[in-house]
Amino acid sequence: MDHITSLDKFAVPVGRQEIELQQIEYASGGMPQLRLRIRERSRFTVFDIDLQTAERWGRAMIAWSQAQAQAQAQSGQE
């Protein structure tokens, strides 16, 4: 039986999607993966990603959010 551990779950303020991050370990073995579940009403989108993909995706999201925060801070100073 696969083992799933919930890591985080939250709702997106705009669009009202529900996002859940899970760690999944398959009974058949192999490396653990990060599962990203996005729920939009009755529709689900699921990604199972490996360590390298999760790291790259995470770094890109952090870089984007930092750039947006910096742009907002600069526009507030003008």
PDB file of N, CA and C in Angstrom:
ATOM      1  N   MET A   1       0.844  -1.180   0.000  1.00  0.00           N
ATOM      2  CA  MET A   1       0.000   0.000   0.000  1.00  0.00           C
ATOM      3  C   MET A   1       0.891   1.244   0.000  1.00  0.00           C
ATOM      4  N   ASP A   2       0.596   2.195  -0.873  1.00  0.00           N
ATOM      5  CA  ASP A   2       1.355   3.436  -0.944  1.00  0.00           C
ATOM      6  C   ASP A   2       1.167   4.232   0.351  1.00  0.00           C
ATOM      7  N   HIS A   3       2.213   4.971   0.729  1.00  0.00           N
ATOM      8  CA  HIS A   3       2.146   5.796   1.936  1.00  0.00           C
ATOM      9  C   HIS A   3       2.159   7.265   1.517  1.00  0.00           C
ATOM     10  N   ILE A   4       1.117   8.015   1.894  1.00  0.00           N
ATOM     11  CA  ILE A   4       0.983   9.426   1.531  1.00  0.00           C
ATOM     12  C   ILE A   4       0.975  10.264   2.806  1.00  0.00           C
ATOM     13  N   THR A   5       1.852  11.285   2.825  1.00  0.00           N
ATOM     14  CA  THR A   5       1.940  12.202   3.958  1.00  0.00           C
ATOM     15  C   THR A   5       1.617  13.609   3.473  1.00  0.00           C
ATOM     16  N   SER A   6       0.628  14.240   4.089  1.00  0.00           N
ATOM     17  CA  SER A   6       0.266  15.612   3.725  1.00  0.00           C
ATOM     18  C   SER A   6       1.312  16.562   4.301  1.00  0.00           C
ATOM     19  N   LEU A   7       1.846  17.448   3.452  1.00  0.00           N
ATOM     20  CA  LEU A   7       2.869  18.410   3.867  1.00  0.00           C
ATOM     21  C   LEU A   7       2.295  19.806   4.072  1.00  0.00           C
ATOM     22  N   ASP A   8       1.357  20.199   3.238  1.00  0.00           N
ATOM     23  CA  ASP A   8       0.726  21.517   3.339  1.00  0.00           C
ATOM     24  C   ASP A   8      -0.548  21.513   2.509  1.00  0.00           C
ATOM     25  N   LYS A   9      -1.500  22.331   2.936  1.00  0.00           N
ATOM     26  CA  LYS A   9      -2.754  22.447   2.198  1.00  0.00           C
ATOM     27  C   LYS A   9      -3.267  23.864   2.404  1.00  0.00           C
ATOM     28  N   PHE A  10      -3.644  24.523   1.301  1.00  0.00           N
ATOM     29  CA  PHE A  10      -4.107  25.901   1.403  1.00  0.00           C
ATOM     30  C   PHE A  10      -4.985  26.240   0.212  1.00  0.00           C
ATOM     31  N   ALA A  11      -5.735  27.333   0.371  1.00  0.00           N
ATOM     32  CA  ALA A  11      -6.597  27.825  -0.708  1.00  0.00           C
ATOM     33  C   ALA A  11      -5.954  29.061  -1.315  1.00  0.00           C
ATOM     34  N   VAL A  12      -6.030  29.172  -2.622  1.00  0.00           N
ATOM     35  CA  VAL A  12      -5.521  30.338  -3.337  1.00  0.00           C
ATOM     36  C   VAL A  12      -6.585  31.428  -3.248  1.00  0.00           C
ATOM     37  N   PRO A  13      -6.211  32.644  -2.799  1.00  0.00           N
ATOM     38  CA  PRO A  13      -7.220  33.694  -2.632  1.00  0.00           C
ATOM     39  C   PRO A  13      -7.915  34.085  -3.938  1.00  0.00           C
ATOM     40  N   VAL A  14      -7.178  34.160  -5.025  1.00  0.00           N
ATOM     41  CA  VAL A  14      -7.754  34.515  -6.320  1.00  0.00           C
ATOM     42  C   VAL A  14      -7.954  33.225  -7.103  1.00  0.00           C
ATOM     43  N   GLY A  15      -9.162  32.932  -7.500  1.00  0.00           N
ATOM     44  CA  GLY A  15      -9.436  31.709  -8.236  1.00  0.00           C
ATOM     45  C   GLY A  15      -9.967  30.572  -7.379  1.00  0.00           C
ATOM     46  N   ARG A  16      -9.722  30.657  -6.080  1.00  0.00           N
ATOM     47  CA  ARG A  16     -10.259  29.707  -5.091  1.00  0.00           C
ATOM     48  C   ARG A  16      -9.849  28.251  -5.323  1.00  0.00           C
ATOM     49  N   GLN A  17      -8.706  28.013  -5.944  1.00  0.00           N
ATOM     50  CA  GLN A  17      -8.228  26.638  -6.062  1.00  0.00           C
ATOM     51  C   GLN A  17      -7.720  26.174  -4.690  1.00  0.00           C
ATOM     52  N   GLU A  18      -7.830  24.887  -4.454  1.00  0.00           N
ATOM     53  CA  GLU A  18      -7.262  24.285  -3.254  1.00  0.00           C
ATOM     54  C   GLU A  18      -5.998  23.547  -3.675  1.00  0.00           C
ATOM     55  N   ILE A  19      -4.902  23.820  -2.997  1.00  0.00           N
ATOM     56  CA  ILE A  19      -3.626  23.188  -3.320  1.00  0.00           C
ATOM     57  C   ILE A  19      -3.178  22.359  -2.132  1.00  0.00           C
ATOM     58  N   GLU A  20      -2.756  21.130  -2.410  1.00  0.00           N
ATOM     59  CA  GLU A  20      -2.199  20.271  -1.368  1.00  0.00           C
ATOM     60  C   GLU A  20      -0.885  19.698  -1.861  1.00  0.00           C
ATOM     61  N   LEU A  21       0.128  19.768  -0.984  1.00  0.00           N
ATOM     62  CA  LEU A  21       1.426  19.154  -1.241  1.00  0.00           C
ATOM     63  C   LEU A  21       1.520  17.901  -0.388  1.00  0.00           C
ATOM     64  N   GLN A  22       1.904  16.787  -1.005  1.00  0.00           N
ATOM     65  CA  GLN A  22       2.001  15.516  -0.307  1.00  0.00           C
ATOM     66  C   GLN A  22       3.321  14.833  -0.672  1.00  0.00           C
ATOM     67  N   GLN A  23       3.829  14.063   0.253  1.00  0.00           N
ATOM     68  CA  GLN A  23       4.937  13.160  -0.074  1.00  0.00           C
ATOM     69  C   GLN A  23       4.322  11.791  -0.307  1.00  0.00           C
ATOM     70  N   ILE A  24       4.698  11.164  -1.405  1.00  0.00           N
ATOM     71  CA  ILE A  24       4.171   9.833  -1.708  1.00  0.00           C
ATOM     72  C   ILE A  24       5.325   8.853  -1.807  1.00  0.00           C
ATOM     73  N   GLU A  25       5.165   7.748  -1.100  1.00  0.00           N
ATOM     74  CA  GLU A  25       6.129   6.650  -1.143  1.00  0.00           C
ATOM     75  C   GLU A  25       5.366   5.422  -1.631  1.00  0.00           C
ATOM     76  N   TYR A  26       5.770   4.931  -2.777  1.00  0.00           N
ATOM     77  CA  TYR A  26       5.065   3.811  -3.402  1.00  0.00           C
ATOM     78  C   TYR A  26       5.440   2.490  -2.739  1.00  0.00           C
ATOM     79  N   ALA A  27       4.452   1.636  -2.568  1.00  0.00           N
ATOM     80  CA  ALA A  27       4.671   0.324  -1.962  1.00  0.00           C
ATOM     81  C   ALA A  27       5.661  -0.499  -2.777  1.00  0.00           C
ATOM     82  N   SER A  28       5.697  -0.264  -4.080  1.00  0.00           N
ATOM     83  CA  SER A  28       6.592  -1.019  -4.959  1.00  0.00           C
ATOM     84  C   SER A  28       8.039  -0.564  -4.844  1.00  0.00           C
ATOM     85  N   GLY A  29       8.273   0.527  -4.098  1.00  0.00           N
ATOM     86  CA  GLY A  29       9.633   1.016  -3.903  1.00  0.00           C
ATOM     87  C   GLY A  29       9.924   2.226  -4.766  1.00  0.00           C
ATOM     88  N   GLY A  30      11.200   2.547  -4.838  1.00  0.00           N
ATOM     89  CA  GLY A  30      11.609   3.728  -5.582  1.00  0.00           C
ATOM     90  C   GLY A  30      11.717   4.926  -4.660  1.00  0.00           C
ATOM     91  N   MET A  31      12.127   6.035  -5.247  1.00  0.00           N
ATOM     92  CA  MET A  31      12.329   7.232  -4.440  1.00  0.00           C
ATOM     93  C   MET A  31      11.002   7.907  -4.110  1.00  0.00           C
ATOM     94  N   PRO A  32      10.933   8.551  -2.944  1.00  0.00           N
ATOM     95  CA  PRO A  32       9.737   9.327  -2.616  1.00  0.00           C
ATOM     96  C   PRO A  32       9.562  10.455  -3.633  1.00  0.00           C
ATOM     97  N   GLN A  33       8.332  10.841  -3.861  1.00  0.00           N
ATOM     98  CA  GLN A  33       8.047  11.932  -4.786  1.00  0.00           C
ATOM     99  C   GLN A  33       7.155  12.949  -4.098  1.00  0.00           C
ATOM    100  N   LEU A  34       7.183  14.171  -4.659  1.00  0.00           N
ATOM    101  CA  LEU A  34       6.314  15.229  -4.178  1.00  0.00           C
ATOM    102  C   LEU A  34       5.084  15.249  -5.070  1.00  0.00           C
ATOM    103  N   ARG A  35       3.930  15.140  -4.455  1.00  0.00           N
ATOM    104  CA  ARG A  35       2.677  15.194  -5.203  1.00  0.00           C
ATOM    105  C   ARG A  35       2.047  16.564  -4.972  1.00  0.00           C
ATOM    106  N   LEU A  36       1.697  17.215  -6.054  1.00  0.00           N
ATOM    107  CA  LEU A  36       1.009  18.491  -6.031  1.00  0.00           C
ATOM    108  C   LEU A  36      -0.393  18.244  -6.558  1.00  0.00           C
ATOM    109  N   ARG A  37      -1.390  18.495  -5.705  1.00  0.00           N
ATOM    110  CA  ARG A  37      -2.795  18.307  -6.095  1.00  0.00           C
ATOM    111  C   ARG A  37      -3.470  19.671  -6.125  1.00  0.00           C
ATOM    112  N   ILE A  38      -4.056  20.001  -7.265  1.00  0.00           N
ATOM    113  CA  ILE A  38      -4.781  21.258  -7.412  1.00  0.00           C
ATOM    114  C   ILE A  38      -6.241  20.914  -7.689  1.00  0.00           C
ATOM    115  N   ARG A  39      -7.112  21.426  -6.844  1.00  0.00           N
ATOM    116  CA  ARG A  39      -8.547  21.177  -7.012  1.00  0.00           C
ATOM    117  C   ARG A  39      -9.233  22.463  -7.432  1.00  0.00           C
ATOM    118  N   GLU A  40      -9.948  22.393  -8.534  1.00  0.00           N
ATOM    119  CA  GLU A  40     -10.777  23.496  -9.015  1.00  0.00           C
ATOM    120  C   GLU A  40     -12.194  22.954  -9.134  1.00  0.00           C
ATOM    121  N   ARG A  41     -13.012  23.288  -8.165  1.00  0.00           N
ATOM    122  CA  ARG A  41     -14.357  22.730  -8.054  1.00  0.00           C
ATOM    123  C   ARG A  41     -14.279  21.206  -8.022  1.00  0.00           C
ATOM    124  N   SER A  42     -14.780  20.516  -9.062  1.00  0.00           N
ATOM    125  CA  SER A  42     -14.752  19.043  -9.060  1.00  0.00           C
ATOM    126  C   SER A  42     -13.589  18.478  -9.878  1.00  0.00           C
ATOM    127  N   ARG A  43     -12.770  19.356 -10.448  1.00  0.00           N
ATOM    128  CA  ARG A  43     -11.651  18.917 -11.287  1.00  0.00           C
ATOM    129  C   ARG A  43     -10.345  18.909 -10.496  1.00  0.00           C
ATOM    130  N   PHE A  44      -9.572  17.845 -10.663  1.00  0.00           N
ATOM    131  CA  PHE A  44      -8.275  17.726 -10.003  1.00  0.00           C
ATOM    132  C   PHE A  44      -7.168  17.669 -11.045  1.00  0.00           C
ATOM    133  N   THR A  45      -6.061  18.345 -10.751  1.00  0.00           N
ATOM    134  CA  THR A  45      -4.829  18.216 -11.518  1.00  0.00           C
ATOM    135  C   THR A  45      -3.783  17.702 -10.546  1.00  0.00           C
ATOM    136  N   VAL A  46      -3.078  16.638 -10.920  1.00  0.00           N
ATOM    137  CA  VAL A  46      -2.103  16.017 -10.026  1.00  0.00           C
ATOM    138  C   VAL A  46      -0.769  15.892 -10.752  1.00  0.00           C
ATOM    139  N   PHE A  47       0.290  16.366 -10.076  1.00  0.00           N
ATOM    140  CA  PHE A  47       1.655  16.197 -10.570  1.00  0.00           C
ATOM    141  C   PHE A  47       2.428  15.400  -9.530  1.00  0.00           C
ATOM    142  N   ASP A  48       3.119  14.365  -9.935  1.00  0.00           N
ATOM    143  CA  ASP A  48       4.072  13.660  -9.085  1.00  0.00           C
ATOM    144  C   ASP A  48       5.449  14.005  -9.619  1.00  0.00           C
ATOM    145  N   ILE A  49       6.255  14.680  -8.795  1.00  0.00           N
ATOM    146  CA  ILE A  49       7.541  15.156  -9.282  1.00  0.00           C
ATOM    147  C   ILE A  49       8.689  14.658  -8.403  1.00  0.00           C
ATOM    148  N   ASP A  50       9.845  14.533  -9.026  1.00  0.00           N
ATOM    149  CA  ASP A  50      11.035  14.047  -8.347  1.00  0.00           C
ATOM    150  C   ASP A  50      11.752  15.198  -7.632  1.00  0.00           C
ATOM    151  N   LEU A  51      12.777  14.850  -6.901  1.00  0.00           N
ATOM    152  CA  LEU A  51      13.562  15.793  -6.113  1.00  0.00           C
ATOM    153  C   LEU A  51      14.122  16.940  -6.950  1.00  0.00           C
ATOM    154  N   GLN A  52      14.731  16.631  -8.076  1.00  0.00           N
ATOM    155  CA  GLN A  52      15.350  17.670  -8.906  1.00  0.00           C
ATOM    156  C   GLN A  52      14.303  18.622  -9.493  1.00  0.00           C
ATOM    157  N   THR A  53      13.184  18.093  -9.924  1.00  0.00           N
ATOM    158  CA  THR A  53      12.119  18.922 -10.476  1.00  0.00           C
ATOM    159  C   THR A  53      11.518  19.812  -9.394  1.00  0.00           C
ATOM    160  N   ALA A  54      11.299  19.268  -8.202  1.00  0.00           N
ATOM    161  CA  ALA A  54      10.749  20.052  -7.096  1.00  0.00           C
ATOM    162  C   ALA A  54      11.688  21.198  -6.735  1.00  0.00           C
ATOM    163  N   GLU A  55      12.979  20.927  -6.715  1.00  0.00           N
ATOM    164  CA  GLU A  55      13.945  21.971  -6.378  1.00  0.00           C
ATOM    165  C   GLU A  55      13.946  23.078  -7.432  1.00  0.00           C
ATOM    166  N   ARG A  56      13.973  22.704  -8.699  1.00  0.00           N
ATOM    167  CA  ARG A  56      13.981  23.697  -9.771  1.00  0.00           C
ATOM    168  C   ARG A  56      12.708  24.536  -9.761  1.00  0.00           C
ATOM    169  N   TRP A  57      11.569  23.867  -9.621  1.00  0.00           N
ATOM    170  CA  TRP A  57      10.277  24.540  -9.584  1.00  0.00           C
ATOM    171  C   TRP A  57      10.224  25.507  -8.394  1.00  0.00           C
ATOM    172  N   GLY A  58      10.653  25.022  -7.234  1.00  0.00           N
ATOM    173  CA  GLY A  58      10.652  25.849  -6.029  1.00  0.00           C
ATOM    174  C   GLY A  58      11.537  27.073  -6.158  1.00  0.00           C
ATOM    175  N   ARG A  59      12.743  26.896  -6.704  1.00  0.00           N
ATOM    176  CA  ARG A  59      13.648  28.034  -6.888  1.00  0.00           C
ATOM    177  C   ARG A  59      13.048  29.070  -7.842  1.00  0.00           C
ATOM    178  N   ALA A  60      12.428  28.606  -8.912  1.00  0.00           N
ATOM    179  CA  ALA A  60      11.813  29.526  -9.876  1.00  0.00           C
ATOM    180  C   ALA A  60      10.671  30.305  -9.221  1.00  0.00           C
ATOM    181  N   MET A  61       9.881  29.652  -8.398  1.00  0.00           N
ATOM    182  CA  MET A  61       8.771  30.327  -7.731  1.00  0.00           C
ATOM    183  C   MET A  61       9.277  31.351  -6.714  1.00  0.00           C
ATOM    184  N   ILE A  62      10.320  31.007  -5.980  1.00  0.00           N
ATOM    185  CA  ILE A  62      10.898  31.944  -5.009  1.00  0.00           C
ATOM    186  C   ILE A  62      11.479  33.156  -5.726  1.00  0.00           C
ATOM    187  N   ALA A  63      12.217  32.921  -6.810  1.00  0.00           N
ATOM    188  CA  ALA A  63      12.807  34.027  -7.566  1.00  0.00           C
ATOM    189  C   ALA A  63      11.712  34.959  -8.088  1.00  0.00           C
ATOM    190  N   TRP A  64      10.638  34.394  -8.597  1.00  0.00           N
ATOM    191  CA  TRP A  64       9.527  35.199  -9.118  1.00  0.00           C
ATOM    192  C   TRP A  64       8.894  36.023  -7.997  1.00  0.00           C
ATOM    193  N   SER A  65       8.600  35.390  -6.859  1.00  0.00           N
ATOM    194  CA  SER A  65       7.927  36.108  -5.773  1.00  0.00           C
ATOM    195  C   SER A  65       8.816  37.204  -5.201  1.00  0.00           C
ATOM    196  N   GLN A  66      10.124  36.967  -5.110  1.00  0.00           N
ATOM    197  CA  GLN A  66      11.033  38.006  -4.629  1.00  0.00           C
ATOM    198  C   GLN A  66      11.091  39.180  -5.598  1.00  0.00           C
ATOM    199  N   ALA A  67      11.114  38.910  -6.893  1.00  0.00           N
ATOM    200  CA  ALA A  67      11.128  39.974  -7.900  1.00  0.00           C
ATOM    201  C   ALA A  67       9.840  40.793  -7.829  1.00  0.00           C
ATOM    202  N   GLN A  68       8.699  40.133  -7.629  1.00  0.00           N
ATOM    203  CA  GLN A  68       7.423  40.848  -7.524  1.00  0.00           C
ATOM    204  C   GLN A  68       7.389  41.719  -6.274  1.00  0.00           C
ATOM    205  N   ALA A  69       7.876  41.184  -5.154  1.00  0.00           N
ATOM    206  CA  ALA A  69       7.904  41.948  -3.907  1.00  0.00           C
ATOM    207  C   ALA A  69       8.817  43.160  -4.045  1.00  0.00           C
ATOM    208  N   GLN A  70       9.954  42.991  -4.707  1.00  0.00           N
ATOM    209  CA  GLN A  70      10.880  44.101  -4.915  1.00  0.00           C
ATOM    210  C   GLN A  70      10.247  45.169  -5.816  1.00  0.00           C
ATOM    211  N   ALA A  71       9.577  44.740  -6.879  1.00  0.00           N
ATOM    212  CA  ALA A  71       8.920  45.685  -7.780  1.00  0.00           C
ATOM    213  C   ALA A  71       7.829  46.464  -7.049  1.00  0.00           C
ATOM    214  N   GLN A  72       7.078  45.803  -6.193  1.00  0.00           N
ATOM    215  CA  GLN A  72       6.026  46.479  -5.440  1.00  0.00           C
ATOM    216  C   GLN A  72       6.627  47.481  -4.466  1.00  0.00           C
ATOM    217  N   ALA A  73       7.723  47.090  -3.813  1.00  0.00           N
ATOM    218  CA  ALA A  73       8.383  47.991  -2.869  1.00  0.00           C
ATOM    219  C   ALA A  73       8.919  49.225  -3.581  1.00  0.00           C
ATOM    220  N   GLN A  74       9.489  49.041  -4.745  1.00  0.00           N
ATOM    221  CA  GLN A  74      10.026  50.169  -5.515  1.00  0.00           C
ATOM    222  C   GLN A  74       8.921  51.074  -6.026  1.00  0.00           C
ATOM    223  N   SER A  75       7.810  50.511  -6.458  1.00  0.00           N
ATOM    224  CA  SER A  75       6.720  51.349  -6.956  1.00  0.00           C
ATOM    225  C   SER A  75       6.063  52.128  -5.815  1.00  0.00           C
ATOM    226  N   GLY A  76       6.147  51.626  -4.619  1.00  0.00           N
ATOM    227  CA  GLY A  76       5.600  52.334  -3.460  1.00  0.00           C
ATOM    228  C   GLY A  76       6.473  53.481  -3.015  1.00  0.00           C
ATOM    229  N   GLN A  77       7.740  53.469  -3.412  1.00  0.00           N
ATOM    230  CA  GLN A  77       8.679  54.524  -3.024  1.00  0.00           C
ATOM    231  C   GLN A  77       8.623  55.715  -3.967  1.00  0.00           C
ATOM    232  N   GLU A  78       8.042  55.539  -5.138  1.00  0.00           N
ATOM    233  CA  GLU A  78       8.017  56.604  -6.136  1.00  0.00           C
ATOM    234  C   GLU A  78       6.906  57.603  -5.866  1.00  0.00           C
TER     235      GLU A  78
END
